[in-house]
Structure formats: structure tokens, C-alpha cells
């Protein structure tokens, strides 16, 4: 009975908190705005010109390893692309970088099949289930995980940060009496987004944390994995803009997207030191600050539409410089390839 009541509460929480609405529901108004942008650009796939060095402009189906190849090495954790089932290569690289490490599909989205691998046994299990090429990446222990959205118009010498989201991982605080699972049962966000039946939680959920002890339940900084997104736009400064202009200028033909990164301190971020870029998302990136609990839905749509409009402006400007949009045939073929690929991912979940 208690479990049923908790589920009903979480369902009501989902309905009344738009940050949890399904993507298709939240982005329904975009179905009307996007055609207008496509008409203005005279192309359904105008976004492919926004970041010419990234496949499909970074909207969908882009290779993470190919993007990493564009980023200056000093900002990247050690990584390697592993073919499906290549146990020898995976174990050799794991020995080089050590555990824990992060494994994730080279092409993927919304945190699917992204896992923290703590030992060789866990790596073997991941190899057995992952049906696609995947990245092995050194685990970055810096405490701050952020998403920094950066845009630069091709006709301007400098770009600017338009959004910063700070990520607060799903966690519980012990009371000395209840298990982690019991503590999670009182958290609507956990009920909505944490699969407590997943084997990786098996031992953790039965722990009884001491009073006041904070336990991180899910260390993958994805909204779909229970992470709370916090609006950190108040952290945007001229110094921070300057730092990210320096970073962006080291990435060929990059104009629009979000850096997902970890850093040690906010002051380090401003100075451009102790930064590790975990991913760089292109045309398909969202301004993550809008998912701050309690953020106005109207303001959220304003931010989404503004970024889409800016994406179209950048694409048109690049086209005038001689960078072509993908043709309809090219774009449609890519979409079919992405759908087939996603079915492979879904089969392993």
C-alpha cells in the first residue's frame, strides 16, 4: 500500500513539475516553430551548417570520439574507442587508466548505457551487453559538474556563454535507521528516475548510512538519471566568457553547443585550469539551466526558442560563407541510420 501511494505521489509530482514531462510533450510547441525556421533557411536540415566539423552539426547521431579529436588534449580525460566485444583492448586500456572509469556508447544520448565501471568484473558485464562501439574514459573526480552553453556567430570575433547548469547528483542523507532504498522511497525524483532494480544498486540500496552521512546514489550527471539541474547563470562573467572563447577557438568550426565538464573550483573554471571536458554537444544541445526545479515554463520556452533562432542565424551565416546545408536525401538517410542505431541501444537496456 505504501509503495502504491508513493507511486501515485510521484506521478502527480511528474504532472505538476514540467521538468519531468516527456520530451515529446515538452517540445510539442517546437513542432510549430521549427518549420518556420526551416522555411526562413530554405532547408529542413539547416542546422547541419552550424558546426561544420561535427557530423550532422551535432544534432543527433554524432560520434563522441570524433568530437574529442577536435578538442585540445589538455581539456580531455584519457579515452579510447572500443569495438563491441573487444575484451582485450578494453582490459588493456583499463589497466592503463585504472578503475573506476566511465563507459558509454560512442553515439548515444540521454545517458543511455552510460555506466561507471568499478572493476574488471563490471567491465566484462558491460562488454557482454553493449552492442555498439563505446568509449572508455578515465573517471574525473573533480567535484563540480557543469553544462556550459556557448554560442559564437560566424561574423563575430567573440562568442559568449548563454547558459550554465550545475549538476547535483541523486543522493540521500542518512539517519542511522533507514536503508538507502527506504530513504529514496520518500523522494519523488528518485521514484521517477532511479531504477532501483538495476544490479548496480543492489548492495548500495541495503546500506544504512550513519546519521548525517551523504551517499551519492547515481554519479552520472544526467537529468534522466536523477540529477537535479541548477540554474547557475549568475556565475557568468566577462572573465568566464573570455576563458570559453579561448577554449572554443581551439575547436575547429565550432559555433553552437554545450560543454559538459568537471572542474575543481569555480575560480579554476574562470582561469581555465583544472577543467576536464566530458562531452561536447552541438546543435542538439539544450540550455540545461531551464530544468532548475521551479523554473518558469514560459521562461524555459523563451530560452529554447531563442537558442533555436540563434542556431538558425549561425547556420545561415555559415551558408553565406560557402558551407552547404545537407540535402533532404542526406538528412533523411542519416535519420534512418540513427533510428536503427537507437534500436540497438534500446535492446541492451
Protein backbone atom coordinates (compact mmCIF):
# COMPACT_ATOMS: atom_id res chain seq x y z
CA UNK A 1 0.00 0.00 0.00
CA UNK A 2 2.80 2.40 0.96
CA UNK A 3 4.53 1.69 -2.35
CA UNK A 4 1.33 2.40 -4.30
CA UNK A 5 0.80 5.70 -2.51
CA UNK A 6 4.42 6.67 -3.21
CA UNK A 7 3.98 5.89 -6.90
CA UNK A 8 0.80 7.97 -7.08
CA UNK A 9 2.59 10.87 -5.40
CA UNK A 10 5.48 10.60 -7.85
CA UNK A 11 3.04 10.54 -10.79
CA UNK A 12 1.37 13.71 -9.52
CA UNK A 13 4.81 15.24 -8.99
CA UNK A 14 5.66 14.47 -12.62
CA UNK A 15 2.49 16.06 -13.93
CA UNK A 16 2.91 19.22 -11.87
CA UNK A 17 6.66 19.66 -12.47
CA UNK A 18 7.28 20.26 -16.16
CA UNK A 19 10.99 19.35 -15.94
CA UNK A 20 9.82 15.69 -15.87
CA UNK A 21 7.44 15.89 -18.82
CA UNK A 22 8.27 13.53 -21.70
CA UNK A 23 10.46 15.13 -24.36
CA UNK A 24 7.71 14.89 -26.99
CA UNK A 25 5.25 16.71 -24.71
CA UNK A 26 7.63 19.45 -23.57
CA UNK A 27 8.92 20.12 -27.08
CA UNK A 28 5.49 19.98 -28.75
CA UNK A 29 5.44 23.76 -29.40
CA UNK A 30 8.76 23.41 -31.21
CA UNK A 31 6.89 21.39 -33.86
CA UNK A 32 5.33 24.68 -34.93
CA UNK A 33 8.36 26.95 -34.55
CA UNK A 34 10.92 24.71 -36.24
CA UNK A 35 9.13 24.66 -39.64
CA UNK A 36 9.18 28.47 -39.62
CA UNK A 37 12.95 28.44 -39.09
CA UNK A 38 13.35 25.81 -41.79
CA UNK A 39 11.29 27.96 -44.18
CA UNK A 40 13.46 31.00 -43.43
CA UNK A 41 16.61 28.96 -44.02
CA UNK A 42 15.13 27.19 -47.05
CA UNK A 43 16.21 23.84 -45.64
CA UNK A 44 14.79 21.25 -43.26
CA UNK A 45 18.34 20.36 -42.22
CA UNK A 46 19.71 23.90 -41.89
CA UNK A 47 21.37 23.04 -38.55
CA UNK A 48 23.98 20.88 -40.32
CA UNK A 49 25.85 24.08 -41.24
CA UNK A 50 26.09 25.34 -37.64
CA UNK A 51 29.13 23.26 -36.66
CA UNK A 52 30.66 22.12 -39.97
CA UNK A 53 33.34 19.95 -38.37
CA UNK A 54 30.76 17.90 -36.42
CA UNK A 55 28.68 15.24 -38.15
CA UNK A 56 25.06 16.39 -38.68
CA UNK A 57 26.02 19.62 -36.93
CA UNK A 58 25.82 17.75 -33.64
CA UNK A 59 22.02 17.49 -33.72
CA UNK A 60 21.81 13.70 -33.43
CA UNK A 61 23.93 10.64 -34.06
CA UNK A 62 27.33 12.32 -33.76
CA UNK A 63 30.41 10.37 -32.68
CA UNK A 64 31.76 11.43 -29.29
CA UNK A 65 35.24 10.19 -30.13
CA UNK A 66 35.27 12.18 -33.39
CA UNK A 67 34.34 15.31 -31.43
CA UNK A 68 37.04 14.56 -28.86
CA UNK A 69 39.53 14.53 -31.72
CA UNK A 70 38.69 18.23 -32.28
CA UNK A 71 39.25 19.33 -28.67
CA UNK A 72 42.71 20.27 -27.33
CA UNK A 73 44.08 17.28 -25.42
CA UNK A 74 44.75 19.23 -22.23
CA UNK A 75 41.00 19.54 -21.62
CA UNK A 76 40.24 15.84 -22.06
CA UNK A 77 40.40 12.82 -19.77
CA UNK A 78 42.21 9.81 -21.26
CA UNK A 79 39.84 7.93 -23.57
CA UNK A 80 39.73 5.19 -26.15
CA UNK A 81 37.14 3.92 -28.62
CA UNK A 82 36.45 0.20 -28.14
CA UNK A 83 34.79 -2.09 -30.68
CA UNK A 84 31.84 -4.19 -29.43
CA UNK A 85 33.12 -7.22 -27.52
CA UNK A 86 36.81 -6.31 -27.83
CA UNK A 87 37.75 -7.59 -24.39
CA UNK A 88 41.49 -7.47 -24.97
CA UNK A 89 41.54 -3.77 -25.94
CA UNK A 90 39.14 -2.84 -23.14
CA UNK A 91 41.08 -4.60 -20.40
CA UNK A 92 44.41 -3.29 -21.65
CA UNK A 93 43.16 0.30 -21.58
CA UNK A 94 41.53 -0.23 -18.17
CA UNK A 95 44.91 -1.30 -16.82
CA UNK A 96 46.43 1.89 -18.20
CA UNK A 97 43.93 4.34 -16.71
CA UNK A 98 42.77 2.35 -13.68
CA UNK A 99 39.35 1.93 -12.07
CA UNK A 100 36.85 3.43 -11.72
CA UNK A 101 36.26 4.50 -15.32
CA UNK A 102 33.32 5.57 -17.46
CA UNK A 103 31.95 3.51 -20.33
CA UNK A 104 29.40 4.97 -22.77
CA UNK A 105 28.27 4.40 -26.36
CA UNK A 106 30.29 6.42 -28.86
CA UNK A 107 26.98 7.56 -30.29
CA UNK A 108 24.29 7.99 -27.67
CA UNK A 109 22.05 10.37 -25.81
CA UNK A 110 20.17 10.95 -22.56
CA UNK A 111 22.57 8.84 -20.51
CA UNK A 112 21.60 5.51 -22.07
CA UNK A 113 24.16 2.76 -21.40
CA UNK A 114 26.45 5.20 -19.61
CA UNK A 115 27.99 3.43 -16.63
CA UNK A 116 30.66 3.90 -14.02
CA UNK A 117 32.80 0.77 -14.13
CA UNK A 118 34.41 -0.04 -10.79
CA UNK A 119 36.27 -3.27 -11.55
CA UNK A 120 37.13 -5.86 -14.17
CA UNK A 121 34.01 -7.91 -13.48
CA UNK A 122 31.79 -4.90 -14.18
CA UNK A 123 33.75 -4.23 -17.37
CA UNK A 124 33.16 -7.79 -18.55
CA UNK A 125 29.42 -7.39 -17.95
CA UNK A 126 29.40 -4.14 -19.91
CA UNK A 127 31.27 -5.74 -22.79
CA UNK A 128 28.75 -8.56 -22.87
CA UNK A 129 25.74 -6.27 -23.19
CA UNK A 130 26.93 -3.24 -25.18
CA UNK A 131 26.10 -3.92 -28.85
CA UNK A 132 27.80 -0.81 -30.30
CA UNK A 133 31.26 0.81 -30.27
CA UNK A 134 31.81 2.54 -26.94
CA UNK A 135 34.15 4.98 -25.27
CA UNK A 136 36.20 4.11 -22.23
CA UNK A 137 37.06 7.28 -20.41
CA UNK A 138 39.12 7.96 -17.31
CA UNK A 139 36.92 8.88 -14.36
CA UNK A 140 37.22 12.56 -13.43
CA UNK A 141 36.87 13.15 -9.69
CA UNK A 142 36.63 16.95 -9.74
CA UNK A 143 33.62 17.87 -7.54
CA UNK A 144 31.82 20.36 -9.82
CA UNK A 145 29.95 19.03 -12.86
CA UNK A 146 28.54 21.68 -15.17
CA UNK A 147 26.97 22.22 -18.56
CA UNK A 148 28.22 25.44 -20.18
CA UNK A 149 26.37 26.56 -23.32
CA UNK A 150 28.43 28.65 -25.73
CA UNK A 151 27.43 30.39 -28.96
CA UNK A 152 29.54 32.32 -31.45
CA UNK A 153 28.15 33.96 -34.58
CA UNK A 154 30.47 33.31 -37.55
CA UNK A 155 30.70 37.04 -38.28
CA UNK A 156 31.75 37.92 -34.75
CA UNK A 157 35.26 37.68 -33.32
CA UNK A 158 34.00 36.58 -29.91
CA UNK A 159 31.23 34.34 -28.61
CA UNK A 160 29.52 34.18 -25.25
CA UNK A 161 28.10 31.83 -22.65
CA UNK A 162 24.30 31.72 -22.71
CA UNK A 163 23.60 29.11 -20.04
CA UNK A 164 25.30 27.35 -17.16
CA UNK A 165 23.75 24.39 -15.37
CA UNK A 166 25.24 22.96 -12.19
CA UNK A 167 24.51 19.28 -11.59
CA UNK A 168 23.51 17.97 -8.19
CA UNK A 169 23.70 14.17 -8.22
CA UNK A 170 20.97 12.00 -6.78
CA UNK A 171 21.87 11.39 -3.15
CA UNK A 172 20.42 10.70 0.29
CA UNK A 173 21.42 11.79 3.78
CA UNK A 174 21.49 9.00 6.34
CA UNK A 175 19.55 9.00 9.61
CA UNK A 176 21.20 5.92 11.11
CA UNK A 177 17.98 3.88 10.90
CA UNK A 178 16.74 3.59 7.31
CA UNK A 179 18.35 1.95 4.31
CA UNK A 180 19.31 3.91 1.22
CA UNK A 181 16.33 2.37 -0.58
CA UNK A 182 13.91 3.45 2.16
CA UNK A 183 15.31 6.97 2.05
CA UNK A 184 14.89 7.04 -1.72
CA UNK A 185 11.26 5.93 -1.43
CA UNK A 186 10.41 9.30 0.08
CA UNK A 187 12.00 11.19 -2.83
CA UNK A 188 9.64 11.73 -5.81
CA UNK A 189 12.59 12.43 -8.12
CA UNK A 190 14.15 9.09 -7.20
CA UNK A 191 10.89 7.22 -7.74
CA UNK A 192 10.56 8.79 -11.18
CA UNK A 193 14.12 8.42 -12.39
CA UNK A 194 16.05 5.74 -10.48
CA UNK A 195 15.66 2.10 -11.49
CA UNK A 196 16.18 0.52 -8.07
CA UNK A 197 16.06 -2.94 -9.63
CA UNK A 198 19.25 -2.33 -11.60
CA UNK A 199 22.07 -4.66 -10.43
CA UNK A 200 24.49 -1.78 -9.91
CA UNK A 201 22.34 -0.56 -6.98
CA UNK A 202 21.90 -3.95 -5.33
CA UNK A 203 24.40 -3.58 -2.48
CA UNK A 204 24.16 0.18 -2.07
CA UNK A 205 20.39 0.19 -1.51
CA UNK A 206 20.66 -2.10 1.51
CA UNK A 207 23.19 0.10 3.31
CA UNK A 208 22.09 2.03 6.41
CA UNK A 209 24.09 5.28 6.32
CA UNK A 210 25.12 6.91 9.56
CA UNK A 211 23.20 9.98 10.65
CA UNK A 212 24.25 12.98 8.57
CA UNK A 213 26.27 10.95 6.05
CA UNK A 214 25.58 11.90 2.43
CA UNK A 215 25.52 8.98 0.00
CA UNK A 216 25.62 9.60 -3.76
CA UNK A 217 23.28 7.06 -5.33
CA UNK A 218 23.75 7.93 -9.01
CA UNK A 219 27.02 9.53 -10.10
CA UNK A 220 26.12 10.00 -13.77
CA UNK A 221 25.24 13.67 -14.28
CA UNK A 222 22.20 13.22 -16.49
CA UNK A 223 18.73 14.59 -15.75
CA UNK A 224 17.21 11.26 -16.77
CA UNK A 225 19.34 9.55 -14.11
CA UNK A 226 18.02 11.62 -11.21
CA UNK A 227 20.44 14.54 -11.30
CA UNK A 228 18.95 17.88 -10.24
CA UNK A 229 19.83 20.67 -12.66
CA UNK A 230 20.51 24.01 -11.01
CA UNK A 231 20.48 27.40 -12.74
CA UNK A 232 24.00 28.84 -12.40
CA UNK A 233 23.67 31.70 -14.90
CA UNK A 234 24.61 34.12 -12.14
CA UNK A 235 28.14 32.69 -12.49
CA UNK A 236 28.56 34.09 -16.00
CA UNK A 237 31.25 36.78 -16.02
CA UNK A 238 33.36 38.53 -18.62
CA UNK A 239 36.35 36.50 -17.43
CA UNK A 240 34.42 33.26 -17.90
CA UNK A 241 33.33 34.37 -21.37
CA UNK A 242 36.97 35.06 -22.21
CA UNK A 243 38.04 31.62 -20.96
CA UNK A 244 35.46 29.81 -23.08
CA UNK A 245 36.29 31.90 -26.12
CA UNK A 246 39.85 30.61 -25.74
CA UNK A 247 38.62 27.01 -25.43
CA UNK A 248 36.18 27.32 -28.35
CA UNK A 249 38.80 28.86 -30.65
CA UNK A 250 40.84 25.69 -30.23
CA UNK A 251 37.96 23.65 -31.72
CA UNK A 252 37.68 23.88 -35.49
CA UNK A 253 34.45 25.42 -36.84
CA UNK A 254 32.59 25.22 -33.52
CA UNK A 255 29.82 27.81 -33.11
CA UNK A 256 26.95 26.39 -31.10
CA UNK A 257 26.74 23.84 -28.29
CA UNK A 258 27.19 22.83 -24.69
CA UNK A 259 30.33 21.74 -22.89
CA UNK A 260 29.62 19.09 -20.27
CA UNK A 261 32.59 19.26 -17.94
CA UNK A 262 34.01 18.78 -14.49
CA UNK A 263 36.21 21.25 -12.67
CA UNK A 264 37.75 21.65 -9.26
CA UNK A 265 36.56 25.13 -8.28
CA UNK A 266 34.55 27.97 -9.81
CA UNK A 267 37.66 30.12 -9.64
CA UNK A 268 39.58 27.47 -11.58
CA UNK A 269 36.88 27.50 -14.24
CA UNK A 270 37.26 31.24 -14.70
CA UNK A 271 41.02 30.86 -15.00
CA UNK A 272 40.70 27.97 -17.46
CA UNK A 273 42.53 25.44 -15.29
CA UNK A 274 41.61 22.09 -13.74
CA UNK A 275 38.90 21.59 -16.38
CA UNK A 276 38.03 18.26 -17.97
CA UNK A 277 35.50 18.19 -20.82
CA UNK A 278 33.37 15.04 -20.59
CA UNK A 279 31.32 15.72 -23.73
CA UNK A 280 30.68 18.45 -26.26
CA UNK A 281 27.14 18.58 -27.62
CA UNK A 282 26.38 20.52 -30.79
CA UNK A 283 23.15 21.63 -32.48
CA UNK A 284 21.02 19.25 -30.42
CA UNK A 285 22.17 20.66 -27.07
CA UNK A 286 19.73 22.20 -24.61
CA UNK A 287 20.30 25.15 -22.25
CA UNK A 288 20.20 22.98 -19.14
CA UNK A 289 19.58 25.78 -16.64
CA UNK A 290 15.89 25.78 -17.57
CA UNK A 291 15.41 22.48 -15.72
CA UNK A 292 16.05 24.14 -12.35
CA UNK A 293 13.14 22.99 -10.12
CA UNK A 294 10.52 25.73 -10.06
CA UNK A 295 11.85 27.49 -13.17
CA UNK A 296 9.08 29.17 -15.15
CA UNK A 297 7.82 27.13 -18.10
CA UNK A 298 7.36 30.37 -20.06
CA UNK A 299 10.97 31.35 -19.42
CA UNK A 300 12.02 27.85 -20.39
CA UNK A 301 10.30 28.14 -23.76
CA UNK A 302 11.80 31.59 -24.31
CA UNK A 303 15.28 30.10 -23.78
CA UNK A 304 14.59 27.12 -26.05
CA UNK A 305 13.18 29.29 -28.87
CA UNK A 306 15.99 31.84 -28.53
CA UNK A 307 18.63 29.14 -28.86
CA UNK A 308 16.85 27.61 -31.87
CA UNK A 309 16.62 31.02 -33.52
CA UNK A 310 20.32 31.61 -32.84
CA UNK A 311 21.10 28.17 -34.29
CA UNK A 312 19.29 29.20 -37.49
CA UNK A 313 21.13 32.54 -37.64
CA UNK A 314 24.51 30.84 -37.28
CA UNK A 315 23.59 28.26 -39.92
CA UNK A 316 22.50 30.92 -42.41
CA UNK A 317 25.67 32.91 -41.81
CA UNK A 318 27.84 29.85 -42.40
CA UNK A 319 25.91 29.04 -45.57
CA UNK A 320 26.66 32.54 -46.89
CA UNK A 321 30.32 31.73 -46.27
CA UNK A 322 30.02 28.70 -48.56
CA UNK A 323 29.16 25.91 -46.11
CA UNK A 324 26.24 23.97 -47.60
CA UNK A 325 23.25 22.56 -45.76
CA UNK A 326 22.76 18.83 -46.00
CA UNK A 327 20.30 17.88 -48.72
CA UNK A 328 16.98 16.31 -47.81
CA UNK A 329 18.20 12.94 -49.10
CA UNK A 330 21.34 13.12 -46.94
CA UNK A 331 19.41 14.17 -43.87
CA UNK A 332 16.69 11.56 -44.29
CA UNK A 333 19.28 8.80 -44.72
CA UNK A 334 21.01 9.96 -41.53
CA UNK A 335 17.73 9.93 -39.60
CA UNK A 336 17.04 6.35 -40.69
CA UNK A 337 20.53 5.32 -39.61
CA UNK A 338 20.02 6.97 -36.21
CA UNK A 339 16.69 5.18 -35.66
CA UNK A 340 18.26 1.80 -36.46
CA UNK A 341 21.18 2.53 -34.16
CA UNK A 342 18.88 3.59 -31.30
CA UNK A 343 17.00 0.31 -31.58
CA UNK A 344 20.29 -1.47 -30.88
CA UNK A 345 20.83 0.67 -27.79
CA UNK A 346 17.30 0.07 -26.55
CA UNK A 347 17.71 -3.70 -26.94
CA UNK A 348 20.57 -3.65 -24.41
CA UNK A 349 18.78 -1.63 -21.71
